[in-house]
Structure formats: C-alpha cells, structure tokens
Amino acid sequence: MSEKPDDLLPSASACRTKIAQVEGEKASEYMRNKAKADAEKKELMDRLSKPSGVSDDERLKRAAAIIKRAVSNGLREVEVGRFPNALCTDHGRAINQMEPGWEETLTGLPKELFQFWKKHLQPRGYKIKFQIVDYSGGVPGDVGISLSWNE
C-alpha cells in the first residue's frame, strides 16, 4: 500500500463533524425559507385584511371577464378566489360546518367579495360558495370562493 490509511480514509470523528456541518447548513436553509414564507404570508394577510380599494365598477368588469371566459370554456362554475382561513373570525369553522350565518365570520377582502356578490351578482341569479379547499396536516386550511350560474 503506497498511500497511508489516514490520507484515504477520514476518521469517524471527522465524519461526524462533517455530518453536523451539513445538518447545520440544512437547518439554516430551512429556517431562512421558513422566515421568507412567514413574511410572505404575513404580507398577504395584511393585504387581504384591509379594504381593497377596488370600486364596484372595476370589480364588476373583472367579474364579467372571469364569467365570460369560463362560459366560453363550457364551465358552469369557477373558483374566483382563495384565502387563508385566518381571515374568518372562527378560522373557517362555520364555513366547514355549513352553519347558517357563516358569512358573518368573514373579514377583509373575502367580506368585500361576499357583499359585492350579494349586491350585484345574486340578483342576477349567480350563486356563491365558500368552502374549505385545503386540509394540510388534516386540519382545515384555505377557503375557496366559487361562483356558479348552474341551477
């Protein structure tokens, strides 16, 4: 053997040290990604919990475009939005249980959208559905908003 074992093979201690470094780097990367995701979620929650500033006229134009596109694709229902259940005062429990008065738990933009539907779309025969659409980790998560024109 021309080469020494110490030159070819690291010691067990060196292996453990290297593994600890790799695990530490992975943990740091995970924490950076988590902090970034948390900041993005907080920004989204802040934005969705404040008034949107969108006029009813502009919202009506947007709704018309969404509906026309869906109808031209042969759809009778379309998801028009999705939001974290934290924007409900009960974290979506009443929506999940389909309790009467569930709409009273809405806040922020979801509440605006419901009120817009009630005022402008319901009289024209459109139906709206709020339902839990995500069960990450086995618990209710995001709420989806669907608009339909099917009897």
N, C-alpha and C. Protein backbone atom coordinates (compact mmCIF):
# COMPACT_ATOMS: atom_id res chain seq x y z
N MET A 1 0.84 -1.17 0.00
CA MET A 1 0.00 0.00 0.00
C MET A 1 0.89 1.24 0.00
N SER A 2 0.79 2.02 -1.06
CA SER A 2 1.65 3.17 -1.16
C SER A 2 1.11 4.38 -0.40
N GLU A 3 -0.22 4.44 -0.26
CA GLU A 3 -0.80 5.58 0.47
C GLU A 3 -1.20 5.13 1.87
N LYS A 4 -1.09 6.09 2.78
CA LYS A 4 -1.43 5.80 4.17
C LYS A 4 -2.95 5.83 4.35
N PRO A 5 -3.46 4.97 5.25
CA PRO A 5 -4.91 4.99 5.52
C PRO A 5 -5.41 6.36 5.95
N ASP A 6 -4.62 7.13 6.68
CA ASP A 6 -5.05 8.45 7.13
C ASP A 6 -5.27 9.41 5.96
N ASP A 7 -4.54 9.18 4.84
CA ASP A 7 -4.70 10.04 3.67
C ASP A 7 -5.95 9.67 2.88
N LEU A 8 -6.37 8.42 2.93
CA LEU A 8 -7.51 7.95 2.16
C LEU A 8 -8.83 7.99 2.93
N LEU A 9 -8.78 7.67 4.18
CA LEU A 9 -9.99 7.47 4.96
C LEU A 9 -10.06 8.47 6.11
N PRO A 10 -11.13 9.27 6.16
CA PRO A 10 -11.26 10.20 7.28
C PRO A 10 -11.58 9.43 8.56
N SER A 11 -11.27 10.03 9.66
CA SER A 11 -11.59 9.38 10.94
C SER A 11 -13.10 9.45 11.17
N ALA A 12 -13.60 8.59 12.02
CA ALA A 12 -15.02 8.60 12.38
C ALA A 12 -15.41 9.95 12.97
N SER A 13 -14.52 10.53 13.74
CA SER A 13 -14.77 11.84 14.33
C SER A 13 -14.92 12.90 13.24
N ALA A 14 -14.08 12.84 12.23
CA ALA A 14 -14.16 13.80 11.12
C ALA A 14 -15.48 13.61 10.36
N CYS A 15 -15.92 12.37 10.20
CA CYS A 15 -17.20 12.09 9.55
C CYS A 15 -18.35 12.72 10.33
N ARG A 16 -18.34 12.54 11.65
CA ARG A 16 -19.40 13.11 12.49
C ARG A 16 -19.40 14.63 12.41
N THR A 17 -18.22 15.23 12.40
CA THR A 17 -18.10 16.68 12.30
C THR A 17 -18.68 17.18 10.97
N LYS A 18 -18.34 16.49 9.89
CA LYS A 18 -18.83 16.87 8.56
C LYS A 18 -20.36 16.74 8.50
N ILE A 19 -20.91 15.66 9.05
CA ILE A 19 -22.36 15.46 9.07
C ILE A 19 -23.04 16.57 9.87
N ALA A 20 -22.45 16.94 11.00
CA ALA A 20 -23.02 18.02 11.81
C ALA A 20 -23.03 19.33 11.03
N GLN A 21 -21.97 19.59 10.27
CA GLN A 21 -21.92 20.81 9.45
C GLN A 21 -23.01 20.79 8.38
N VAL A 22 -23.15 19.67 7.69
CA VAL A 22 -24.17 19.55 6.64
C VAL A 22 -25.56 19.72 7.23
N GLU A 23 -25.83 19.07 8.36
CA GLU A 23 -27.14 19.20 9.00
C GLU A 23 -27.39 20.63 9.45
N GLY A 24 -26.36 21.28 9.95
CA GLY A 24 -26.49 22.68 10.37
C GLY A 24 -26.81 23.58 9.19
N GLU A 25 -26.17 23.33 8.04
CA GLU A 25 -26.45 24.11 6.84
C GLU A 25 -27.89 23.87 6.37
N LYS A 26 -28.34 22.62 6.42
CA LYS A 26 -29.72 22.30 6.03
C LYS A 26 -30.71 23.00 6.96
N ALA A 27 -30.43 22.99 8.25
CA ALA A 27 -31.31 23.63 9.22
C ALA A 27 -31.36 25.14 8.99
N SER A 28 -30.21 25.73 8.69
CA SER A 28 -30.16 27.17 8.43
C SER A 28 -30.95 27.51 7.18
N GLU A 29 -30.80 26.71 6.14
CA GLU A 29 -31.54 26.92 4.90
C GLU A 29 -33.05 26.80 5.14
N TYR A 30 -33.44 25.79 5.91
CA TYR A 30 -34.85 25.60 6.25
C TYR A 30 -35.38 26.83 6.99
N MET A 31 -34.63 27.32 7.96
CA MET A 31 -35.08 28.48 8.74
C MET A 31 -35.18 29.74 7.87
N ARG A 32 -34.23 29.92 6.93
CA ARG A 32 -34.31 31.06 6.02
C ARG A 32 -35.56 30.95 5.15
N ASN A 33 -35.82 29.77 4.61
CA ASN A 33 -37.00 29.56 3.77
C ASN A 33 -38.29 29.76 4.56
N LYS A 34 -38.30 29.26 5.80
CA LYS A 34 -39.49 29.41 6.65
C LYS A 34 -39.73 30.88 6.97
N ALA A 35 -38.67 31.61 7.30
CA ALA A 35 -38.81 33.03 7.60
C ALA A 35 -39.33 33.79 6.40
N LYS A 36 -38.84 33.44 5.20
CA LYS A 36 -39.31 34.08 3.98
C LYS A 36 -40.79 33.77 3.74
N ALA A 37 -41.17 32.50 3.89
CA ALA A 37 -42.57 32.10 3.70
C ALA A 37 -43.48 32.77 4.73
N ASP A 38 -43.02 32.85 5.98
CA ASP A 38 -43.81 33.51 7.03
C ASP A 38 -44.01 34.99 6.71
N ALA A 39 -42.95 35.64 6.22
CA ALA A 39 -43.05 37.06 5.87
C ALA A 39 -44.03 37.26 4.71
N GLU A 40 -43.97 36.36 3.71
CA GLU A 40 -44.89 36.45 2.58
C GLU A 40 -46.33 36.23 3.04
N LYS A 41 -46.53 35.28 3.94
CA LYS A 41 -47.89 35.01 4.44
C LYS A 41 -48.41 36.20 5.24
N LYS A 42 -47.54 36.80 6.05
CA LYS A 42 -47.96 37.98 6.83
C LYS A 42 -48.33 39.13 5.90
N GLU A 43 -47.54 39.33 4.86
CA GLU A 43 -47.83 40.40 3.89
C GLU A 43 -49.17 40.14 3.21
N LEU A 44 -49.42 38.89 2.84
CA LEU A 44 -50.69 38.52 2.21
C LEU A 44 -51.85 38.76 3.18
N MET A 45 -51.70 38.33 4.41
CA MET A 45 -52.75 38.51 5.41
C MET A 45 -53.02 40.00 5.63
N ASP A 46 -51.96 40.80 5.71
CA ASP A 46 -52.13 42.25 5.89
C ASP A 46 -52.89 42.85 4.71
N ARG A 47 -52.52 42.43 3.51
CA ARG A 47 -53.15 42.96 2.30
C ARG A 47 -54.62 42.52 2.21
N LEU A 48 -54.91 41.26 2.54
CA LEU A 48 -56.27 40.75 2.43
C LEU A 48 -57.19 41.22 3.55
N SER A 49 -56.61 41.65 4.67
CA SER A 49 -57.47 42.07 5.77
C SER A 49 -57.83 43.55 5.70
N LYS A 50 -57.20 44.29 4.78
CA LYS A 50 -57.51 45.71 4.63
C LYS A 50 -58.46 45.90 3.44
N PRO A 51 -59.16 47.03 3.42
CA PRO A 51 -60.02 47.31 2.26
C PRO A 51 -59.19 47.29 0.97
N SER A 52 -59.76 46.73 -0.08
CA SER A 52 -59.01 46.57 -1.33
C SER A 52 -58.87 47.87 -2.10
N GLY A 53 -59.83 48.76 -1.95
CA GLY A 53 -59.79 50.00 -2.72
C GLY A 53 -60.32 49.84 -4.14
N VAL A 54 -60.81 48.65 -4.46
CA VAL A 54 -61.35 48.39 -5.80
C VAL A 54 -62.82 48.83 -5.81
N SER A 55 -63.17 49.64 -6.80
CA SER A 55 -64.56 50.12 -6.90
C SER A 55 -65.47 48.99 -7.39
N ASP A 56 -66.75 49.15 -7.14
CA ASP A 56 -67.73 48.16 -7.60
C ASP A 56 -67.71 48.08 -9.13
N ASP A 57 -67.52 49.23 -9.82
CA ASP A 57 -67.46 49.22 -11.28
C ASP A 57 -66.30 48.37 -11.78
N GLU A 58 -65.14 48.57 -11.19
CA GLU A 58 -63.96 47.79 -11.58
C GLU A 58 -64.16 46.31 -11.25
N ARG A 59 -64.70 46.04 -10.09
CA ARG A 59 -64.95 44.65 -9.69
C ARG A 59 -65.97 43.99 -10.63
N LEU A 60 -66.96 44.75 -11.07
CA LEU A 60 -67.96 44.23 -12.00
C LEU A 60 -67.31 43.89 -13.34
N LYS A 61 -66.39 44.72 -13.81
CA LYS A 61 -65.66 44.44 -15.05
C LYS A 61 -64.83 43.16 -14.91
N ARG A 62 -64.17 43.02 -13.78
CA ARG A 62 -63.36 41.82 -13.53
C ARG A 62 -64.23 40.57 -13.48
N ALA A 63 -65.36 40.67 -12.78
CA ALA A 63 -66.28 39.53 -12.68
C ALA A 63 -66.80 39.14 -14.05
N ALA A 64 -67.17 40.14 -14.86
CA ALA A 64 -67.69 39.87 -16.19
C ALA A 64 -66.65 39.14 -17.04
N ALA A 65 -65.40 39.57 -16.96
CA ALA A 65 -64.33 38.93 -17.74
C ALA A 65 -64.13 37.48 -17.31
N ILE A 66 -64.14 37.24 -16.00
CA ILE A 66 -63.97 35.87 -15.48
C ILE A 66 -65.13 34.99 -15.92
N ILE A 67 -66.34 35.50 -15.79
CA ILE A 67 -67.54 34.72 -16.15
C ILE A 67 -67.56 34.43 -17.65
N LYS A 68 -67.30 35.45 -18.48
CA LYS A 68 -67.32 35.25 -19.93
C LYS A 68 -66.28 34.21 -20.35
N ARG A 69 -65.09 34.27 -19.78
CA ARG A 69 -64.04 33.30 -20.11
C ARG A 69 -64.47 31.90 -19.71
N ALA A 70 -65.05 31.76 -18.52
CA ALA A 70 -65.48 30.44 -18.05
C ALA A 70 -66.60 29.90 -18.93
N VAL A 71 -67.57 30.73 -19.27
CA VAL A 71 -68.69 30.30 -20.11
C VAL A 71 -68.18 29.88 -21.48
N SER A 72 -67.24 30.63 -22.05
CA SER A 72 -66.71 30.27 -23.37
C SER A 72 -65.94 28.95 -23.32
N ASN A 73 -65.51 28.55 -22.14
CA ASN A 73 -64.84 27.25 -21.96
C ASN A 73 -65.81 26.16 -21.52
N GLY A 74 -67.10 26.48 -21.52
CA GLY A 74 -68.12 25.48 -21.19
C GLY A 74 -68.28 25.19 -19.71
N LEU A 75 -67.79 26.09 -18.86
CA LEU A 75 -67.90 25.87 -17.41
C LEU A 75 -69.18 26.47 -16.86
N ARG A 76 -69.66 25.89 -15.78
CA ARG A 76 -70.83 26.41 -15.08
C ARG A 76 -70.47 26.95 -13.70
N GLU A 77 -69.21 26.82 -13.36
CA GLU A 77 -68.72 27.27 -12.06
C GLU A 77 -67.24 27.60 -12.20
N VAL A 78 -66.78 28.59 -11.43
CA VAL A 78 -65.38 28.96 -11.48
C VAL A 78 -64.93 29.42 -10.09
N GLU A 79 -63.73 29.00 -9.72
CA GLU A 79 -63.17 29.49 -8.46
C GLU A 79 -62.64 30.90 -8.70
N VAL A 80 -63.13 31.85 -7.93
CA VAL A 80 -62.75 33.24 -8.14
C VAL A 80 -61.77 33.75 -7.09
N GLY A 81 -61.52 32.95 -6.08
CA GLY A 81 -60.59 33.38 -5.05
C GLY A 81 -60.31 32.30 -4.04
N ARG A 82 -59.27 32.55 -3.29
CA ARG A 82 -58.84 31.62 -2.25
C ARG A 82 -58.13 32.45 -1.19
N PHE A 83 -58.37 32.12 0.07
CA PHE A 83 -57.76 32.91 1.14
C PHE A 83 -57.53 32.03 2.37
N PRO A 84 -56.57 32.44 3.22
CA PRO A 84 -56.31 31.68 4.45
C PRO A 84 -57.51 31.73 5.39
N ASN A 85 -57.77 30.62 6.07
CA ASN A 85 -58.92 30.58 6.98
C ASN A 85 -58.79 31.55 8.14
N ALA A 86 -57.59 32.06 8.36
CA ALA A 86 -57.38 33.03 9.44
C ALA A 86 -58.13 34.34 9.18
N LEU A 87 -58.60 34.55 7.96
CA LEU A 87 -59.39 35.74 7.67
C LEU A 87 -60.85 35.59 8.09
N CYS A 88 -61.19 34.45 8.65
CA CYS A 88 -62.51 34.25 9.26
C CYS A 88 -62.34 34.36 10.76
N THR A 89 -63.30 34.96 11.41
CA THR A 89 -63.18 35.16 12.87
C THR A 89 -63.11 33.83 13.62
N ASP A 90 -63.61 32.76 13.00
CA ASP A 90 -63.56 31.43 13.64
C ASP A 90 -62.64 30.46 12.89
N HIS A 91 -61.76 31.01 12.07
CA HIS A 91 -60.81 30.21 11.27
C HIS A 91 -61.52 29.20 10.36
N GLY A 92 -62.68 29.58 9.85
CA GLY A 92 -63.38 28.76 8.88
C GLY A 92 -64.26 27.66 9.43
N ARG A 93 -64.42 27.60 10.74
CA ARG A 93 -65.22 26.53 11.35
C ARG A 93 -66.66 26.55 10.84
N ALA A 94 -67.29 27.73 10.84
CA ALA A 94 -68.69 27.82 10.41
C ALA A 94 -68.84 27.48 8.92
N ILE A 95 -67.87 27.89 8.12
CA ILE A 95 -67.91 27.53 6.69
C ILE A 95 -67.79 26.03 6.55
N ASN A 96 -66.86 25.44 7.27
CA ASN A 96 -66.64 23.99 7.19
C ASN A 96 -67.88 23.21 7.63
N GLN A 97 -68.60 23.74 8.60
CA GLN A 97 -69.81 23.07 9.12
C GLN A 97 -71.07 23.50 8.38
N MET A 98 -70.92 24.43 7.42
CA MET A 98 -72.05 24.96 6.65
C MET A 98 -73.15 25.49 7.57
N GLU A 99 -72.74 26.20 8.59
CA GLU A 99 -73.68 26.76 9.56
C GLU A 99 -74.36 28.00 9.01
N PRO A 100 -75.63 28.17 9.31
CA PRO A 100 -76.30 29.43 8.93
C PRO A 100 -75.55 30.60 9.57
N GLY A 101 -75.42 31.68 8.82
CA GLY A 101 -74.72 32.86 9.34
C GLY A 101 -73.21 32.80 9.19
N TRP A 102 -72.69 31.80 8.47
CA TRP A 102 -71.24 31.67 8.29
C TRP A 102 -70.62 32.94 7.71
N GLU A 103 -71.41 33.66 6.87
CA GLU A 103 -70.88 34.85 6.21
C GLU A 103 -70.52 35.95 7.21
N GLU A 104 -71.09 35.88 8.40
CA GLU A 104 -70.77 36.87 9.45
C GLU A 104 -69.35 36.70 9.98
N THR A 105 -68.72 35.57 9.69
CA THR A 105 -67.35 35.34 10.17
C THR A 105 -66.30 35.89 9.22
N LEU A 106 -66.72 36.35 8.04
CA LEU A 106 -65.77 36.87 7.05
C LEU A 106 -65.24 38.23 7.45
N THR A 107 -63.98 38.50 7.10
CA THR A 107 -63.38 39.80 7.32
C THR A 107 -62.62 40.20 6.05
N GLY A 108 -62.21 41.44 5.97
CA GLY A 108 -61.34 41.91 4.90
C GLY A 108 -61.90 41.70 3.50
N LEU A 109 -61.01 41.35 2.57
CA LEU A 109 -61.39 41.17 1.18
C LEU A 109 -62.46 40.10 0.98
N PRO A 110 -62.39 38.95 1.67
CA PRO A 110 -63.47 37.97 1.50
C PRO A 110 -64.85 38.55 1.83
N LYS A 111 -64.91 39.36 2.84
CA LYS A 111 -66.18 40.01 3.21
C LYS A 111 -66.63 40.96 2.10
N GLU A 112 -65.68 41.73 1.55
CA GLU A 112 -65.99 42.63 0.43
C GLU A 112 -66.55 41.85 -0.75
N LEU A 113 -65.91 40.72 -1.07
CA LEU A 113 -66.36 39.91 -2.21
C LEU A 113 -67.77 39.36 -1.97
N PHE A 114 -68.03 38.91 -0.75
CA PHE A 114 -69.38 38.41 -0.43
C PHE A 114 -70.40 39.52 -0.58
N GLN A 115 -70.10 40.70 -0.06
CA GLN A 115 -71.03 41.82 -0.14
C GLN A 115 -71.26 42.26 -1.60
N PHE A 116 -70.19 42.21 -2.40
CA PHE A 116 -70.32 42.53 -3.82
C PHE A 116 -71.25 41.53 -4.50
N TRP A 117 -71.06 40.24 -4.21
CA TRP A 117 -71.93 39.21 -4.79
C TRP A 117 -73.38 39.47 -4.38
N LYS A 118 -73.59 39.72 -3.11
CA LYS A 118 -74.94 39.92 -2.57
C LYS A 118 -75.64 41.09 -3.28
N LYS A 119 -74.89 42.15 -3.52
CA LYS A 119 -75.46 43.37 -4.10
C LYS A 119 -75.62 43.28 -5.62
N HIS A 120 -74.64 42.72 -6.32
CA HIS A 120 -74.64 42.80 -7.78
C HIS A 120 -74.88 41.47 -8.51
N LEU A 121 -74.43 40.38 -7.96
CA LEU A 121 -74.49 39.12 -8.70
C LEU A 121 -75.66 38.24 -8.29
N GLN A 122 -75.96 38.19 -7.01
CA GLN A 122 -77.08 37.36 -6.55
C GLN A 122 -78.40 37.77 -7.24
N PRO A 123 -78.69 39.07 -7.36
CA PRO A 123 -79.93 39.45 -8.04
C PRO A 123 -79.99 38.99 -9.51
N ARG A 124 -78.84 38.70 -10.10
CA ARG A 124 -78.79 38.24 -11.49
C ARG A 124 -78.75 36.71 -11.57
N GLY A 125 -78.96 36.04 -10.44
CA GLY A 125 -79.06 34.58 -10.44
C GLY A 125 -77.77 33.82 -10.17
N TYR A 126 -76.69 34.51 -9.89
CA TYR A 126 -75.43 33.84 -9.60
C TYR A 126 -75.42 33.32 -8.17
N LYS A 127 -74.80 32.18 -7.99
CA LYS A 127 -74.65 31.57 -6.66
C LYS A 127 -73.19 31.69 -6.25
N ILE A 128 -72.96 31.76 -4.96
CA ILE A 128 -71.59 31.82 -4.45
C ILE A 128 -71.42 30.70 -3.43
N LYS A 129 -70.22 30.15 -3.39
CA LYS A 129 -69.95 29.06 -2.45
C LYS A 129 -68.58 29.32 -1.81
N PHE A 130 -68.56 29.34 -0.51
CA PHE A 130 -67.32 29.41 0.25
C PHE A 130 -67.15 28.03 0.87
N GLN A 131 -65.99 27.41 0.65
CA GLN A 131 -65.75 26.09 1.24
C GLN A 131 -64.27 25.90 1.52
N ILE A 132 -63.98 25.06 2.51
CA ILE A 132 -62.59 24.72 2.81
C ILE A 132 -62.08 23.88 1.65
N VAL A 133 -60.95 24.30 1.05
CA VAL A 133 -60.42 23.59 -0.11
C VAL A 133 -59.05 22.95 0.15
N ASP A 134 -58.57 23.11 1.37
CA ASP A 134 -57.24 22.58 1.70
C ASP A 134 -57.28 22.03 3.13
N TYR A 135 -56.81 20.82 3.28
CA TYR A 135 -56.76 20.19 4.60
C TYR A 135 -55.32 19.76 4.91
N SER A 136 -54.37 20.67 4.77
CA SER A 136 -52.97 20.36 5.06
C SER A 136 -52.82 19.92 6.50
N GLY A 137 -52.14 18.81 6.70
CA GLY A 137 -51.94 18.30 8.05
C GLY A 137 -53.22 17.81 8.69
N GLY A 138 -54.27 17.59 7.90
CA GLY A 138 -55.51 17.06 8.44
C GLY A 138 -56.41 18.10 9.10
N VAL A 139 -56.05 19.37 9.01
CA VAL A 139 -56.88 20.42 9.60
C VAL A 139 -57.33 21.38 8.51
N PRO A 140 -58.50 22.02 8.68
CA PRO A 140 -58.97 22.95 7.66
C PRO A 140 -57.95 24.06 7.41
N GLY A 141 -57.77 24.35 6.13
CA GLY A 141 -56.81 25.39 5.73
C GLY A 141 -57.50 26.48 4.92
N ASP A 142 -57.06 26.63 3.67
CA ASP A 142 -57.57 27.71 2.82
C ASP A 142 -59.05 27.54 2.50
N VAL A 143 -59.68 28.69 2.28
CA VAL A 143 -61.08 28.74 1.89
C VAL A 143 -61.13 29.17 0.42
N GLY A 144 -61.89 28.44 -0.39
CA GLY A 144 -62.07 28.80 -1.78
C GLY A 144 -63.42 29.46 -1.98
N ILE A 145 -63.46 30.39 -2.93
CA ILE A 145 -64.70 31.07 -3.27
C ILE A 145 -65.03 30.71 -4.71
N SER A 146 -66.20 30.10 -4.90
CA SER A 146 -66.63 29.72 -6.25
C SER A 146 -67.91 30.45 -6.60
N LEU A 147 -67.99 30.82 -7.86
CA LEU A 147 -69.17 31.48 -8.40
C LEU A 147 -69.77 30.55 -9.43
N SER A 148 -71.10 30.37 -9.39
CA SER A 148 -71.74 29.46 -10.35
C SER A 148 -73.00 30.08 -10.91
N TRP A 149 -73.40 29.58 -12.06
CA TRP A 149 -74.60 30.03 -12.74
C TRP A 149 -75.39 28.82 -13.21
N ASN A 150 -75.21 27.73 -12.48
CA ASN A 150 -75.87 26.46 -12.78
C ASN A 150 -77.04 26.29 -11.81
N GLU A 151 -78.18 25.87 -12.32
CA GLU A 151 -79.35 25.68 -11.45
C GLU A 151 -79.16 24.55 -10.54
